[in-house]
């Protein structure tokens, strides 16, 4: 089951990985895409969309949505 906090934790982990791998020219862009406010808003949207999906599709949706920062 994916709740808001678990989705937010996944987003934080992926964002940290993206920031650590960012090239010098892309660091500012990645930093803007991974602010706390942005991650919280994205987690909220993902959780709202999960309500409309059948259970078997939820995990795959969350994984795709997290990777699509």
Protein backbone atom coordinates (compact mmCIF):
# COMPACT_ATOMS: atom_id res chain seq x y z
CA UNK A 1 0.00 0.00 0.00
CA UNK A 2 1.35 3.37 -0.95
CA UNK A 3 0.39 6.22 1.30
CA UNK A 4 1.50 9.82 1.15
CA UNK A 5 4.51 9.37 3.42
CA UNK A 6 5.86 6.35 1.56
CA UNK A 7 5.49 8.11 -1.80
CA UNK A 8 7.19 11.21 -0.38
CA UNK A 9 10.05 9.06 0.96
CA UNK A 10 10.52 7.49 -2.48
CA UNK A 11 10.56 10.94 -4.06
CA UNK A 12 13.14 12.18 -1.55
CA UNK A 13 15.40 9.19 -2.23
CA UNK A 14 15.16 9.61 -5.99
CA UNK A 15 15.70 13.37 -5.76
CA UNK A 16 18.81 12.90 -3.63
CA UNK A 17 20.17 10.47 -6.20
CA UNK A 18 19.42 12.91 -9.03
CA UNK A 19 21.12 15.80 -7.20
CA UNK A 20 24.24 13.72 -6.53
CA UNK A 21 24.51 12.63 -10.18
CA UNK A 22 23.73 16.01 -11.76
CA UNK A 23 26.30 17.56 -14.01
CA UNK A 24 27.51 21.04 -13.10
CA UNK A 25 25.39 22.70 -15.78
CA UNK A 26 22.23 20.90 -14.64
CA UNK A 27 22.57 21.28 -10.87
CA UNK A 28 20.42 24.42 -10.63
CA UNK A 29 17.68 22.85 -12.76
CA UNK A 30 17.66 19.66 -10.68
CA UNK A 31 17.67 21.69 -7.46
CA UNK A 32 14.57 23.58 -8.63
CA UNK A 33 12.78 20.35 -9.55
CA UNK A 34 13.53 18.74 -6.20
CA UNK A 35 12.59 21.37 -3.64
CA UNK A 36 10.62 20.20 -0.63
CA UNK A 37 7.50 21.99 -1.82
CA UNK A 38 7.74 20.42 -5.27
CA UNK A 39 8.22 16.94 -3.84
CA UNK A 40 5.27 17.33 -1.47
CA UNK A 41 3.01 18.57 -4.27
CA UNK A 42 4.09 15.71 -6.51
CA UNK A 43 3.47 13.16 -3.72
CA UNK A 44 -0.02 14.57 -3.19
CA UNK A 45 -0.84 14.34 -6.90
CA UNK A 46 0.49 10.79 -7.13
CA UNK A 47 -1.61 9.71 -4.13
CA UNK A 48 -4.73 11.30 -5.59
CA UNK A 49 -4.23 9.42 -8.86
CA UNK A 50 -3.70 6.15 -6.98
CA UNK A 51 -7.29 6.31 -5.74
CA UNK A 52 -8.55 5.84 -9.31
CA UNK A 53 -6.25 2.92 -10.17
CA UNK A 54 -6.91 -0.76 -9.52
CA UNK A 55 -4.61 -2.31 -6.91
CA UNK A 56 -2.38 -4.31 -9.31
CA UNK A 57 -1.42 -1.18 -11.25
CA UNK A 58 -0.58 1.04 -8.28
CA UNK A 59 2.98 -0.13 -7.64
CA UNK A 60 3.98 0.23 -11.27
CA UNK A 61 2.37 3.68 -11.44
CA UNK A 62 4.24 4.87 -8.34
CA UNK A 63 7.57 3.61 -9.67
CA UNK A 64 7.06 5.37 -13.01
CA UNK A 65 5.83 8.58 -11.40
CA UNK A 66 8.78 8.76 -9.01
CA UNK A 67 11.30 8.27 -11.81
CA UNK A 68 9.65 11.03 -13.84
CA UNK A 69 10.93 14.04 -11.92
